[in-house]
Amino acid sequence: MALPYIVPEDKTPFPPAARAVNARSARGVIAAGAVLAFVIGTWLVWFSASVQRKFQEEDVLAACQRVMPETVERCVDTVTIQRGGARR
């Protein structure tokens, strides 16, 4: 069985100052990564809501064109308001 290798105190690979700098830069990288993840996540949620809203608008427009072709704009506005949206 091999004995564990113990590094003497004076033979550490990095001096204490270098270890402190590495710890600070690691914290900075982690903080920057967290901010970047938050920004990307927020954008993905916004983009998803935007795509979903566009598909819903297209569905309403198609349904209104089938049911009331002569008053499509009025139909779309009515359905949008009934669903809780704002008038265009």
N, C-alpha and C. Protein backbone atom coordinates (compact mmCIF):
# COMPACT_ATOMS: atom_id res chain seq x y z
N MET A 1 0.84 -1.17 0.00
CA MET A 1 0.00 0.00 0.00
C MET A 1 0.89 1.24 0.00
N ALA A 2 0.56 2.18 -0.90
CA ALA A 2 1.39 3.38 -1.02
C ALA A 2 0.97 4.41 0.02
N LEU A 3 1.96 5.08 0.54
CA LEU A 3 1.68 6.13 1.51
C LEU A 3 1.30 7.41 0.78
N PRO A 4 0.42 8.20 1.35
CA PRO A 4 0.04 9.45 0.68
C PRO A 4 1.23 10.40 0.63
N TYR A 5 1.30 11.13 -0.44
CA TYR A 5 2.38 12.09 -0.62
C TYR A 5 1.98 13.40 0.05
N ILE A 6 2.79 13.87 0.95
CA ILE A 6 2.51 15.11 1.67
C ILE A 6 3.48 16.17 1.17
N VAL A 7 2.93 17.29 0.72
CA VAL A 7 3.75 18.38 0.23
C VAL A 7 4.17 19.23 1.41
N PRO A 8 5.45 19.46 1.58
CA PRO A 8 5.88 20.33 2.68
C PRO A 8 5.30 21.73 2.50
N GLU A 9 5.15 22.44 3.58
CA GLU A 9 4.52 23.77 3.58
C GLU A 9 5.22 24.73 2.63
N ASP A 10 6.51 24.68 2.54
CA ASP A 10 7.24 25.63 1.70
C ASP A 10 7.26 25.22 0.23
N LYS A 11 6.74 24.07 -0.13
CA LYS A 11 6.75 23.61 -1.51
C LYS A 11 5.36 23.60 -2.13
N THR A 12 4.46 24.43 -1.65
CA THR A 12 3.12 24.48 -2.23
C THR A 12 3.21 25.02 -3.65
N PRO A 13 2.35 24.55 -4.55
CA PRO A 13 2.45 24.95 -5.96
C PRO A 13 2.18 26.43 -6.21
N PHE A 14 1.35 27.06 -5.41
CA PHE A 14 1.05 28.48 -5.59
C PHE A 14 1.29 29.21 -4.28
N PRO A 15 1.87 30.39 -4.37
CA PRO A 15 2.02 31.18 -3.14
C PRO A 15 0.64 31.66 -2.66
N PRO A 16 0.48 32.03 -1.40
CA PRO A 16 -0.82 32.44 -0.87
C PRO A 16 -1.45 33.60 -1.65
N ALA A 17 -0.67 34.54 -2.12
CA ALA A 17 -1.22 35.67 -2.87
C ALA A 17 -1.85 35.20 -4.17
N ALA A 18 -1.21 34.26 -4.84
CA ALA A 18 -1.76 33.74 -6.11
C ALA A 18 -3.04 32.98 -5.85
N ARG A 19 -3.13 32.25 -4.74
CA ARG A 19 -4.37 31.54 -4.42
C ARG A 19 -5.50 32.52 -4.18
N ALA A 20 -5.23 33.66 -3.54
CA ALA A 20 -6.26 34.66 -3.29
C ALA A 20 -6.75 35.27 -4.60
N VAL A 21 -5.83 35.53 -5.52
CA VAL A 21 -6.22 36.09 -6.81
C VAL A 21 -7.08 35.08 -7.57
N ASN A 22 -6.69 33.81 -7.53
CA ASN A 22 -7.47 32.78 -8.21
C ASN A 22 -8.88 32.67 -7.62
N ALA A 23 -9.00 32.78 -6.32
CA ALA A 23 -10.31 32.71 -5.68
C ALA A 23 -11.17 33.90 -6.09
N ARG A 24 -10.56 35.09 -6.14
CA ARG A 24 -11.32 36.28 -6.54
C ARG A 24 -11.77 36.18 -8.00
N SER A 25 -10.89 35.72 -8.87
CA SER A 25 -11.27 35.63 -10.28
C SER A 25 -12.32 34.54 -10.48
N ALA A 26 -12.25 33.47 -9.69
CA ALA A 26 -13.27 32.43 -9.79
C ALA A 26 -14.63 32.97 -9.37
N ARG A 27 -14.67 33.77 -8.31
CA ARG A 27 -15.94 34.38 -7.88
C ARG A 27 -16.47 35.32 -8.96
N GLY A 28 -15.57 36.05 -9.61
CA GLY A 28 -15.99 36.95 -10.67
C GLY A 28 -16.57 36.19 -11.86
N VAL A 29 -15.95 35.08 -12.20
CA VAL A 29 -16.45 34.26 -13.31
C VAL A 29 -17.81 33.68 -12.96
N ILE A 30 -17.97 33.22 -11.74
CA ILE A 30 -19.26 32.67 -11.31
C ILE A 30 -20.34 33.75 -11.33
N ALA A 31 -20.02 34.95 -10.85
CA ALA A 31 -21.00 36.05 -10.86
C ALA A 31 -21.37 36.44 -12.29
N ALA A 32 -20.38 36.53 -13.16
CA ALA A 32 -20.65 36.88 -14.56
C ALA A 32 -21.49 35.79 -15.22
N GLY A 33 -21.21 34.53 -14.91
CA GLY A 33 -22.00 33.43 -15.46
C GLY A 33 -23.44 33.47 -14.97
N ALA A 34 -23.64 33.82 -13.70
CA ALA A 34 -25.00 33.90 -13.16
C ALA A 34 -25.78 35.03 -13.84
N VAL A 35 -25.12 36.17 -14.04
CA VAL A 35 -25.79 37.30 -14.71
C VAL A 35 -26.12 36.92 -16.15
N LEU A 36 -25.19 36.29 -16.83
CA LEU A 36 -25.42 35.88 -18.21
C LEU A 36 -26.56 34.87 -18.30
N ALA A 37 -26.60 33.91 -17.38
CA ALA A 37 -27.69 32.93 -17.37
C ALA A 37 -29.03 33.61 -17.12
N PHE A 38 -29.06 34.60 -16.23
CA PHE A 38 -30.30 35.33 -15.95
C PHE A 38 -30.77 36.09 -17.19
N VAL A 39 -29.85 36.75 -17.87
CA VAL A 39 -30.22 37.52 -19.07
C VAL A 39 -30.73 36.60 -20.18
N ILE A 40 -30.04 35.49 -20.40
CA ILE A 40 -30.47 34.55 -21.44
C ILE A 40 -31.82 33.94 -21.08
N GLY A 41 -32.01 33.58 -19.82
CA GLY A 41 -33.30 33.02 -19.38
C GLY A 41 -34.43 33.99 -19.54
N THR A 42 -34.20 35.25 -19.18
CA THR A 42 -35.23 36.28 -19.33
C THR A 42 -35.59 36.46 -20.80
N TRP A 43 -34.58 36.50 -21.66
CA TRP A 43 -34.84 36.67 -23.09
C TRP A 43 -35.64 35.48 -23.63
N LEU A 44 -35.29 34.26 -23.22
CA LEU A 44 -36.01 33.09 -23.69
C LEU A 44 -37.48 33.12 -23.28
N VAL A 45 -37.76 33.56 -22.06
CA VAL A 45 -39.15 33.66 -21.61
C VAL A 45 -39.89 34.70 -22.44
N TRP A 46 -39.26 35.86 -22.67
CA TRP A 46 -39.89 36.91 -23.48
C TRP A 46 -40.14 36.41 -24.91
N PHE A 47 -39.15 35.75 -25.49
CA PHE A 47 -39.27 35.26 -26.86
C PHE A 47 -40.38 34.22 -26.97
N SER A 48 -40.46 33.34 -26.00
CA SER A 48 -41.50 32.31 -25.99
C SER A 48 -42.88 32.94 -25.92
N ALA A 49 -43.06 33.93 -25.05
CA ALA A 49 -44.35 34.61 -24.95
C ALA A 49 -44.69 35.34 -26.25
N SER A 50 -43.69 35.94 -26.87
CA SER A 50 -43.91 36.65 -28.13
C SER A 50 -44.36 35.70 -29.24
N VAL A 51 -43.71 34.55 -29.36
CA VAL A 51 -44.08 33.57 -30.39
C VAL A 51 -45.48 33.03 -30.13
N GLN A 52 -45.77 32.75 -28.86
CA GLN A 52 -47.09 32.22 -28.52
C GLN A 52 -48.19 33.24 -28.85
N ARG A 53 -47.95 34.52 -28.54
CA ARG A 53 -48.93 35.57 -28.84
C ARG A 53 -49.14 35.69 -30.34
N LYS A 54 -48.06 35.59 -31.13
CA LYS A 54 -48.19 35.68 -32.59
C LYS A 54 -49.05 34.54 -33.13
N PHE A 55 -48.81 33.32 -32.66
CA PHE A 55 -49.61 32.19 -33.11
C PHE A 55 -51.08 32.35 -32.72
N GLN A 56 -51.34 32.86 -31.53
CA GLN A 56 -52.73 33.06 -31.10
C GLN A 56 -53.41 34.11 -31.98
N GLU A 57 -52.69 35.19 -32.30
CA GLU A 57 -53.27 36.22 -33.17
C GLU A 57 -53.61 35.65 -34.55
N GLU A 58 -52.71 34.81 -35.07
CA GLU A 58 -52.97 34.20 -36.38
C GLU A 58 -54.18 33.27 -36.32
N ASP A 59 -54.31 32.52 -35.23
CA ASP A 59 -55.46 31.62 -35.07
C ASP A 59 -56.77 32.41 -35.01
N VAL A 60 -56.78 33.50 -34.25
CA VAL A 60 -57.98 34.32 -34.14
C VAL A 60 -58.33 34.92 -35.50
N LEU A 61 -57.33 35.43 -36.20
CA LEU A 61 -57.58 36.03 -37.52
C LEU A 61 -58.15 35.00 -38.49
N ALA A 62 -57.59 33.79 -38.49
CA ALA A 62 -58.09 32.74 -39.39
C ALA A 62 -59.52 32.35 -39.03
N ALA A 63 -59.81 32.24 -37.74
CA ALA A 63 -61.17 31.88 -37.32
C ALA A 63 -62.15 32.99 -37.69
N CYS A 64 -61.76 34.23 -37.51
CA CYS A 64 -62.65 35.35 -37.85
C CYS A 64 -62.88 35.42 -39.37
N GLN A 65 -61.87 35.13 -40.15
CA GLN A 65 -62.04 35.15 -41.61
C GLN A 65 -63.00 34.05 -42.06
N ARG A 66 -62.98 32.91 -41.37
CA ARG A 66 -63.90 31.83 -41.72
C ARG A 66 -65.33 32.17 -41.32
N VAL A 67 -65.51 32.73 -40.13
CA VAL A 67 -66.85 32.94 -39.58
C VAL A 67 -67.48 34.24 -40.07
N MET A 68 -66.70 35.32 -40.04
CA MET A 68 -67.25 36.64 -40.39
C MET A 68 -66.32 37.33 -41.39
N PRO A 69 -66.27 36.89 -42.63
CA PRO A 69 -65.31 37.47 -43.57
C PRO A 69 -65.53 38.95 -43.87
N GLU A 70 -66.75 39.43 -43.70
CA GLU A 70 -67.02 40.84 -44.03
C GLU A 70 -66.58 41.80 -42.91
N THR A 71 -66.47 41.33 -41.70
CA THR A 71 -66.08 42.19 -40.57
C THR A 71 -64.95 41.55 -39.78
N VAL A 72 -63.86 41.25 -40.44
CA VAL A 72 -62.74 40.55 -39.79
C VAL A 72 -62.11 41.40 -38.69
N GLU A 73 -61.85 42.66 -38.98
CA GLU A 73 -61.19 43.53 -38.00
C GLU A 73 -62.03 43.66 -36.73
N ARG A 74 -63.31 43.83 -36.88
CA ARG A 74 -64.20 43.96 -35.72
C ARG A 74 -64.21 42.66 -34.91
N CYS A 75 -64.25 41.53 -35.60
CA CYS A 75 -64.22 40.22 -34.95
C CYS A 75 -62.92 40.04 -34.16
N VAL A 76 -61.79 40.36 -34.77
CA VAL A 76 -60.49 40.20 -34.11
C VAL A 76 -60.41 41.09 -32.88
N ASP A 77 -60.85 42.34 -33.01
CA ASP A 77 -60.84 43.25 -31.86
C ASP A 77 -61.72 42.73 -30.73
N THR A 78 -62.90 42.22 -31.07
CA THR A 78 -63.82 41.71 -30.06
C THR A 78 -63.22 40.51 -29.33
N VAL A 79 -62.67 39.57 -30.07
CA VAL A 79 -62.08 38.38 -29.46
C VAL A 79 -60.87 38.76 -28.60
N THR A 80 -60.06 39.68 -29.09
CA THR A 80 -58.89 40.11 -28.33
C THR A 80 -59.30 40.75 -27.01
N ILE A 81 -60.29 41.62 -27.05
CA ILE A 81 -60.75 42.27 -25.83
C ILE A 81 -61.37 41.25 -24.87
N GLN A 82 -62.14 40.30 -25.39
CA GLN A 82 -62.75 39.28 -24.54
C GLN A 82 -61.70 38.40 -23.86
N ARG A 83 -60.59 38.19 -24.50
CA ARG A 83 -59.52 37.37 -23.91
C ARG A 83 -58.65 38.18 -22.95
N GLY A 84 -58.93 39.44 -22.77
CA GLY A 84 -58.18 40.24 -21.82
C GLY A 84 -57.05 41.03 -22.42
N GLY A 85 -56.95 41.05 -23.73
CA GLY A 85 -55.90 41.81 -24.40
C GLY A 85 -56.34 43.24 -24.67
N ALA A 86 -55.42 44.04 -25.12
CA ALA A 86 -55.70 45.43 -25.46
C ALA A 86 -56.06 45.54 -26.94
N ARG A 87 -56.83 46.54 -27.25
CA ARG A 87 -57.19 46.79 -28.65
C ARG A 87 -55.95 47.23 -29.43
N ARG A 88 -55.88 46.83 -30.70
CA ARG A 88 -54.71 47.19 -31.51
C ARG A 88 -54.68 48.64 -31.87
